[in-house]
């Protein structure tokens, strides 16, 4: 594919306006193609060593320092979309943002940023433009897409933090291509809430999508910021900016970064990606749910389906021995509902990974090992 890719050293004329304000997804099927996977692939940079950057705070001058450091890992994404109207067909442009996650060219963004695109260009912070960038995978259950620039080895990847340990009131910054015109705009604020469920729509409201377990922030997220990073004071990406609030000011939302790490790891290791799969219907447990239905816990995921069994036949859950009315409390010790939803916590793992589930059954806690399957639709 290298002969189809042009690399130029020019500044892109930022005369494009993002037409899609929030999320407009057309389906949940996995899109996957294998493109230029190199044996010398550089691993994704994850925070480690027992450190947690979510405990850090911004101090005088540190916002500028962190923004300057992270901006080199933030790209603008410009797409060409074929539009049909009464007067005929024509190509229109839209813009969004992406995050470099490997030195050899993997880019993380929102699925709606590249929806319907017949051409994808990526522009680095220094103005370097890559044309004909390839879409290599999408998350079938989330507004997440993965791009690949071929033939590069020296990009600067962002450091990905741990969204499971974020807290309300924590200071954050958002970086992105604001309004599709202003490259790497930086806004600051706090995490206003966690675990939010929202219904996002495109600009005319014709398409809607329900998104779960979102991070709410008052850091300004404008059209064009979609796909950019939400960053903590340690300079770690903790979320993917996704939607702006339509009914209130100072309200934006981001996808927790931990929920995409499983697919990212697969791309780096194998050049392909699919989602880990458990195979259950669940109800998110709250103190109110526990009070009304006496499920035995104030948090977790209750295996309940009013129209049949909550455990799908021949699924990893069934093979592991999970049963209707079990309450899943934790995955490898991480509490479900307190650190993230069941779906997002599963997103940290790959098909074939084995984890230990802490399960409440008939009033007692038990441990059950389960090996995730591969999500197909």
Protein backbone atom coordinates (compact mmCIF):
# COMPACT_ATOMS: atom_id res chain seq x y z
CA UNK A 1 0.00 0.00 0.00
CA UNK A 2 2.98 2.32 0.33
CA UNK A 3 2.85 3.33 -3.30
CA UNK A 4 -0.70 4.62 -2.74
CA UNK A 5 0.36 6.82 0.18
CA UNK A 6 1.69 10.30 -0.21
CA UNK A 7 3.65 12.03 2.51
CA UNK A 8 4.02 15.77 2.36
CA UNK A 9 5.48 18.39 4.63
CA UNK A 10 2.88 21.06 4.44
CA UNK A 11 0.40 22.83 6.64
CA UNK A 12 -3.17 21.79 5.98
CA UNK A 13 -5.56 24.67 5.17
CA UNK A 14 -8.01 24.36 8.05
CA UNK A 15 -11.08 25.43 6.08
CA UNK A 16 -13.24 22.46 6.99
CA UNK A 17 -16.18 22.28 9.36
CA UNK A 18 -17.23 19.05 11.02
CA UNK A 19 -20.77 18.28 9.95
CA UNK A 20 -21.37 15.56 12.50
CA UNK A 21 -21.67 17.01 15.99
CA UNK A 22 -22.11 13.83 17.95
CA UNK A 23 -22.47 10.15 17.17
CA UNK A 24 -24.12 8.63 14.10
CA UNK A 25 -23.44 4.91 13.88
CA UNK A 26 -24.97 2.68 11.22
CA UNK A 27 -24.40 -0.76 12.76
CA UNK A 28 -22.43 -2.95 15.09
CA UNK A 29 -20.69 -5.37 12.74
CA UNK A 30 -16.94 -5.69 13.00
CA UNK A 31 -15.00 -4.07 10.17
CA UNK A 32 -11.55 -5.54 9.79
CA UNK A 33 -8.79 -5.52 7.23
CA UNK A 34 -5.14 -6.42 7.65
CA UNK A 35 -2.80 -3.65 6.54
CA UNK A 36 1.00 -3.44 6.67
CA UNK A 37 1.70 -5.08 10.02
CA UNK A 38 5.41 -4.95 10.75
CA UNK A 39 7.29 -7.42 12.91
CA UNK A 40 9.11 -4.47 14.43
CA UNK A 41 5.88 -2.97 15.78
CA UNK A 42 6.37 -0.81 18.83
CA UNK A 43 4.21 -1.73 21.84
CA UNK A 44 1.53 0.63 23.03
CA UNK A 45 2.71 2.84 25.88
CA UNK A 46 0.64 2.06 28.98
CA UNK A 47 1.18 3.57 32.39
CA UNK A 48 2.71 0.99 34.73
CA UNK A 49 5.00 0.33 37.66
CA UNK A 50 2.24 0.72 40.23
CA UNK A 51 1.92 4.44 39.49
CA UNK A 52 -1.48 6.05 39.02
CA UNK A 53 -1.47 9.41 37.25
CA UNK A 54 -5.07 10.04 38.27
CA UNK A 55 -3.81 11.07 41.70
CA UNK A 56 -1.78 13.92 40.19
CA UNK A 57 -2.99 17.53 40.07
CA UNK A 58 -2.20 20.36 37.70
CA UNK A 59 -0.08 23.12 39.21
CA UNK A 60 0.96 26.50 37.84
CA UNK A 61 2.40 26.05 34.38
CA UNK A 62 1.76 22.32 34.20
CA UNK A 63 -1.26 22.54 31.89
CA UNK A 64 0.92 24.16 29.24
CA UNK A 65 3.68 21.60 29.80
CA UNK A 66 1.35 18.59 29.59
CA UNK A 67 -0.53 20.00 26.60
CA UNK A 68 2.72 20.65 24.75
CA UNK A 69 3.94 17.12 25.49
CA UNK A 70 0.73 15.33 24.52
CA UNK A 71 -0.06 17.45 21.44
CA UNK A 72 2.64 15.73 19.41
CA UNK A 73 0.60 12.51 19.82
CA UNK A 74 -2.65 14.13 18.67
CA UNK A 75 -3.60 14.20 14.98
CA UNK A 76 -6.28 15.84 12.91
CA UNK A 77 -8.34 13.53 10.72
CA UNK A 78 -9.79 14.92 7.49
CA UNK A 79 -12.23 12.75 5.56
CA UNK A 80 -13.80 12.96 2.14
CA UNK A 81 -17.45 11.91 2.03
CA UNK A 82 -19.54 11.42 -1.08
CA UNK A 83 -22.72 13.46 -0.69
CA UNK A 84 -25.82 13.18 -2.85
CA UNK A 85 -28.34 15.97 -3.23
CA UNK A 86 -31.06 17.18 -5.58
CA UNK A 87 -28.34 18.80 -7.69
CA UNK A 88 -26.22 15.65 -7.97
CA UNK A 89 -23.26 14.05 -6.17
CA UNK A 90 -20.22 15.82 -4.81
CA UNK A 91 -17.39 15.22 -2.33
CA UNK A 92 -17.56 17.08 0.96
CA UNK A 93 -15.01 17.25 3.76
CA UNK A 94 -15.36 16.62 7.48
CA UNK A 95 -12.79 16.76 10.27
CA UNK A 96 -12.13 15.11 13.59
CA UNK A 97 -9.27 14.14 15.87
CA UNK A 98 -7.22 11.02 16.59
CA UNK A 99 -4.60 9.74 19.04
CA UNK A 100 -1.31 8.11 18.01
CA UNK A 101 -1.01 4.85 19.96
CA UNK A 102 2.06 3.26 18.36
CA UNK A 103 5.25 4.49 16.73
CA UNK A 104 4.47 2.46 13.61
CA UNK A 105 1.26 4.25 12.78
CA UNK A 106 -1.79 3.01 14.67
CA UNK A 107 -4.32 5.79 15.33
CA UNK A 108 -7.29 5.65 17.71
CA UNK A 109 -10.40 7.73 16.99
CA UNK A 110 -14.21 7.66 17.06
CA UNK A 111 -16.09 5.49 14.63
CA UNK A 112 -18.40 8.36 13.70
CA UNK A 113 -15.40 10.50 12.68
CA UNK A 114 -14.69 8.21 9.71
CA UNK A 115 -18.26 7.02 9.08
CA UNK A 116 -19.01 6.98 5.35
CA UNK A 117 -15.54 8.23 4.36
CA UNK A 118 -14.14 7.28 0.97
CA UNK A 119 -10.77 8.85 1.82
CA UNK A 120 -9.02 9.45 5.14
CA UNK A 121 -6.10 11.85 5.61
CA UNK A 122 -4.16 12.29 8.84
CA UNK A 123 -2.32 15.50 9.73
CA UNK A 124 0.32 15.48 12.49
CA UNK A 125 0.88 18.29 14.96
CA UNK A 126 3.82 19.57 12.88
CA UNK A 127 1.73 19.68 9.69
CA UNK A 128 2.97 16.46 8.10
CA UNK A 129 0.11 15.00 6.09
CA UNK A 130 -0.50 11.32 5.32
CA UNK A 131 -3.00 10.50 2.60
CA UNK A 132 -5.06 7.36 2.01
CA UNK A 133 -4.80 6.20 5.61
CA UNK A 134 -6.49 2.83 6.13
CA UNK A 135 -9.31 1.86 8.47
CA UNK A 136 -8.19 -1.46 10.01
CA UNK A 137 -10.84 -2.22 12.65
CA UNK A 138 -13.86 -0.90 14.51
CA UNK A 139 -15.27 -1.84 17.90
CA UNK A 140 -18.66 -3.50 17.31
CA UNK A 141 -19.98 -2.32 20.68
CA UNK A 142 -18.54 1.17 21.01
CA UNK A 143 -17.89 4.37 19.05
CA UNK A 144 -14.25 3.45 18.45
CA UNK A 145 -12.23 3.00 15.26
CA UNK A 146 -8.60 2.11 14.56
CA UNK A 147 -6.60 3.54 11.64
CA UNK A 148 -3.15 2.62 10.27
CA UNK A 149 -0.55 4.80 8.56
CA UNK A 150 1.71 2.47 6.59
CA UNK A 151 5.47 2.79 6.27
CA UNK A 152 6.17 4.82 9.41
CA UNK A 153 8.20 3.88 12.48
CA UNK A 154 8.96 7.15 14.27
CA UNK A 155 5.62 8.57 15.41
CA UNK A 156 5.23 9.60 19.05
CA UNK A 157 2.58 7.50 20.81
CA UNK A 158 0.54 8.85 23.69
CA UNK A 159 0.75 7.23 27.11
CA UNK A 160 -2.53 5.52 27.97
CA UNK A 161 -3.60 5.76 31.60
CA UNK A 162 -6.13 3.85 33.71
CA UNK A 163 -9.72 5.07 33.45
CA UNK A 164 -10.81 2.61 36.17
CA UNK A 165 -9.30 4.81 38.90
CA UNK A 166 -10.59 8.23 37.82
CA UNK A 167 -12.61 10.28 40.28
CA UNK A 168 -15.20 13.04 40.13
CA UNK A 169 -13.54 16.45 40.55
CA UNK A 170 -10.25 15.27 39.02
CA UNK A 171 -8.58 17.85 36.78
CA UNK A 172 -8.36 17.07 33.06
CA UNK A 173 -7.62 18.70 29.73
CA UNK A 174 -9.12 17.94 26.32
CA UNK A 175 -7.10 18.30 23.11
CA UNK A 176 -8.55 18.28 19.62
CA UNK A 177 -9.22 19.83 16.25
CA UNK A 178 -11.87 22.27 17.49
CA UNK A 179 -14.66 22.99 14.98
CA UNK A 180 -12.61 21.19 12.34
CA UNK A 181 -10.54 24.36 11.94
CA UNK A 182 -8.30 24.91 14.95
CA UNK A 183 -5.66 22.20 15.22
CA UNK A 184 -4.86 20.87 18.70
CA UNK A 185 -6.99 23.28 20.69
CA UNK A 186 -6.59 22.74 24.45
CA UNK A 187 -9.40 23.18 27.00
CA UNK A 188 -9.32 22.43 30.71
CA UNK A 189 -11.79 21.39 33.37
CA UNK A 190 -12.67 18.56 35.71
CA UNK A 191 -14.37 15.19 35.56
CA UNK A 192 -17.98 16.08 36.36
CA UNK A 193 -19.34 12.55 36.56
CA UNK A 194 -18.66 8.91 35.69
CA UNK A 195 -20.79 6.02 34.50
CA UNK A 196 -23.06 8.26 32.43
CA UNK A 197 -25.48 6.87 29.87
CA UNK A 198 -26.27 9.17 26.96
CA UNK A 199 -28.12 9.15 23.67
CA UNK A 200 -26.00 10.91 21.08
CA UNK A 201 -27.20 12.00 17.66
CA UNK A 202 -25.91 13.49 14.46
CA UNK A 203 -26.47 17.13 13.54
CA UNK A 204 -30.00 16.66 12.19
CA UNK A 205 -31.08 14.10 14.79
CA UNK A 206 -31.87 11.44 12.20
CA UNK A 207 -29.52 8.85 13.73
CA UNK A 208 -29.07 8.14 17.42
CA UNK A 209 -26.89 5.80 19.44
CA UNK A 210 -26.95 4.88 23.12
CA UNK A 211 -23.55 5.03 24.81
CA UNK A 212 -22.92 3.60 28.27
CA UNK A 213 -20.41 4.21 31.06
CA UNK A 214 -19.22 7.56 29.71
CA UNK A 215 -16.97 10.07 31.47
CA UNK A 216 -18.66 13.46 31.82
CA UNK A 217 -16.43 16.56 31.78
CA UNK A 218 -16.87 20.32 31.74
CA UNK A 219 -13.72 20.76 29.63
CA UNK A 220 -15.06 22.22 26.38
CA UNK A 221 -15.49 19.57 23.66
CA UNK A 222 -16.46 21.18 20.37
CA UNK A 223 -17.32 19.72 16.96
CA UNK A 224 -14.03 18.40 15.60
CA UNK A 225 -12.74 17.36 19.03
CA UNK A 226 -14.31 13.92 18.57
CA UNK A 227 -11.67 11.20 18.78
CA UNK A 228 -9.18 13.35 20.69
CA UNK A 229 -7.76 12.62 24.14
CA UNK A 230 -9.03 13.49 27.59
CA UNK A 231 -5.80 13.78 29.60
CA UNK A 232 -4.99 13.69 33.32
CA UNK A 233 -2.36 15.79 35.10
CA UNK A 234 0.30 13.14 34.53
CA UNK A 235 -0.14 13.48 30.76
CA UNK A 236 -1.93 10.13 30.41
CA UNK A 237 -4.90 9.61 28.12
CA UNK A 238 -7.88 8.48 30.21
CA UNK A 239 -10.68 8.98 27.70
CA UNK A 240 -11.61 9.44 24.04
CA UNK A 241 -13.63 12.62 23.56
CA UNK A 242 -16.83 11.60 21.84
CA UNK A 243 -19.87 13.81 22.24
CA UNK A 244 -21.01 17.26 23.30
CA UNK A 245 -24.05 17.85 25.44
CA UNK A 246 -26.98 19.17 23.42
CA UNK A 247 -29.20 20.34 26.26
CA UNK A 248 -26.72 21.96 28.64
CA UNK A 249 -23.57 24.02 28.54
CA UNK A 250 -20.21 22.81 29.89
CA UNK A 251 -21.08 19.19 29.31
CA UNK A 252 -19.00 16.80 27.20
CA UNK A 253 -18.46 13.06 27.26
CA UNK A 254 -15.57 10.66 26.69
CA UNK A 255 -15.19 6.89 26.31
CA UNK A 256 -13.03 5.37 29.09
CA UNK A 257 -9.63 4.47 27.61
CA UNK A 258 -9.41 1.16 29.47
CA UNK A 259 -12.32 -0.20 27.44
CA UNK A 260 -10.29 -0.20 24.19
CA UNK A 261 -7.00 -1.65 25.43
CA UNK A 262 -7.85 -5.24 24.56
CA UNK A 263 -8.36 -4.48 20.87
CA UNK A 264 -5.33 -2.16 20.81
CA UNK A 265 -3.09 -4.88 22.21
CA UNK A 266 -4.30 -7.29 19.53
CA UNK A 267 -3.55 -4.82 16.75
CA UNK A 268 -0.03 -4.30 18.00
CA UNK A 269 0.61 -8.02 18.50
CA UNK A 270 -1.19 -9.51 15.50
CA UNK A 271 -2.28 -6.72 13.14
CA UNK A 272 -5.94 -7.66 13.62
CA UNK A 273 -8.49 -7.16 16.34
CA UNK A 274 -11.76 -8.51 17.71
CA UNK A 275 -13.65 -7.94 20.92
CA UNK A 276 -13.67 -10.24 23.96
CA UNK A 277 -17.04 -11.88 24.55
CA UNK A 278 -18.71 -13.32 27.66
CA UNK A 279 -22.29 -14.03 26.50
CA UNK A 280 -24.70 -12.75 29.14
CA UNK A 281 -27.63 -10.38 29.55
CA UNK A 282 -27.19 -8.14 32.60
CA UNK A 283 -28.81 -5.44 34.67
CA UNK A 284 -26.46 -2.92 36.30
CA UNK A 285 -26.92 -3.20 40.05
CA UNK A 286 -27.55 -0.08 42.16
CA UNK A 287 -28.66 0.25 45.78
CA UNK A 288 -32.19 0.84 44.46
CA UNK A 289 -32.10 -2.33 42.34
CA UNK A 290 -30.86 -4.29 45.35
CA UNK A 291 -33.59 -2.83 47.55
CA UNK A 292 -36.34 -3.66 45.07
CA UNK A 293 -35.14 -7.09 43.93
CA UNK A 294 -32.90 -8.26 46.80
CA UNK A 295 -30.03 -9.32 44.53
CA UNK A 296 -27.56 -9.39 47.44
CA UNK A 297 -25.26 -6.51 46.46
CA UNK A 298 -25.38 -2.76 45.88
CA UNK A 299 -23.06 -3.00 42.85
CA UNK A 300 -22.17 -5.41 40.09
CA UNK A 301 -23.91 -6.94 37.07
CA UNK A 302 -27.02 -9.06 37.71
CA UNK A 303 -27.54 -11.90 35.23
CA UNK A 304 -31.20 -11.36 34.44
CA UNK A 305 -33.27 -11.49 31.24
CA UNK A 306 -37.03 -11.07 31.46
CA UNK A 307 -37.53 -12.86 28.14
CA UNK A 308 -35.43 -15.99 28.71
CA UNK A 309 -32.12 -17.14 30.11
CA UNK A 310 -29.55 -14.46 30.85
CA UNK A 311 -26.73 -16.88 29.97
CA UNK A 312 -26.47 -17.57 26.25
CA UNK A 313 -26.09 -21.23 25.30
CA UNK A 314 -22.61 -22.39 24.29
CA UNK A 315 -21.17 -19.03 25.37
CA UNK A 316 -18.03 -18.63 27.48
CA UNK A 317 -20.32 -17.78 30.40
CA UNK A 318 -22.28 -21.02 29.98
CA UNK A 319 -19.10 -23.09 29.64
CA UNK A 320 -17.75 -21.52 32.86
CA UNK A 321 -20.90 -22.42 34.80
CA UNK A 322 -22.49 -18.99 35.27
CA UNK A 323 -26.22 -19.14 36.06
CA UNK A 324 -29.27 -16.91 35.91
CA UNK A 325 -29.52 -14.54 38.88
CA UNK A 326 -25.79 -14.67 39.59
CA UNK A 327 -24.38 -11.22 40.37
CA UNK A 328 -20.95 -10.57 38.89
CA UNK A 329 -19.07 -8.47 41.45
CA UNK A 330 -15.55 -8.20 40.06
CA UNK A 331 -13.19 -9.16 37.23
CA UNK A 332 -9.73 -10.06 38.52
CA UNK A 333 -10.55 -8.12 41.67
CA UNK A 334 -11.75 -4.96 39.88
CA UNK A 335 -15.27 -4.15 41.08
CA UNK A 336 -17.91 -4.04 38.37
CA UNK A 337 -19.99 -0.88 38.41
CA UNK A 338 -17.59 0.97 40.69
CA UNK A 339 -14.57 0.91 38.38
CA UNK A 340 -16.59 0.63 35.16
CA UNK A 341 -19.41 -1.27 33.53
CA UNK A 342 -19.09 -4.99 32.79
CA UNK A 343 -18.80 -4.30 29.05
CA UNK A 344 -16.06 -1.70 29.44
CA UNK A 345 -14.06 -3.82 31.88
CA UNK A 346 -14.22 -6.76 29.48
CA UNK A 347 -12.86 -4.37 26.84
CA UNK A 348 -9.45 -4.51 28.55
CA UNK A 349 -9.09 -8.17 27.60
CA UNK A 350 -8.62 -10.17 24.40
CA UNK A 351 -10.43 -13.28 23.15
CA UNK A 352 -8.69 -16.25 24.76
CA UNK A 353 -7.80 -14.41 27.97
CA UNK A 354 -8.83 -16.17 31.18
CA UNK A 355 -10.02 -14.09 34.13
CA UNK A 356 -11.40 -14.78 37.59
CA UNK A 357 -14.93 -13.55 38.24
CA UNK A 358 -16.13 -12.88 41.77
CA UNK A 359 -19.75 -14.02 41.78
CA UNK A 360 -22.56 -13.62 44.32
CA UNK A 361 -24.72 -16.76 44.20
CA UNK A 362 -27.45 -17.57 46.72
CA UNK A 363 -25.99 -15.13 49.21
CA UNK A 364 -22.40 -16.40 49.04
CA UNK A 365 -19.39 -15.21 47.09
CA UNK A 366 -17.65 -17.72 44.85
CA UNK A 367 -14.82 -17.50 42.31
CA UNK A 368 -15.34 -18.71 38.75
CA UNK A 369 -12.71 -18.70 36.02
CA UNK A 370 -13.90 -17.87 32.51
CA UNK A 371 -12.08 -17.72 29.18
CA UNK A 372 -13.39 -15.02 26.87
CA UNK A 373 -14.54 -15.89 23.37
CA UNK A 374 -14.55 -13.71 20.26
CA UNK A 375 -17.46 -11.37 19.63
CA UNK A 376 -19.21 -11.96 16.30
CA UNK A 377 -22.38 -10.37 14.97
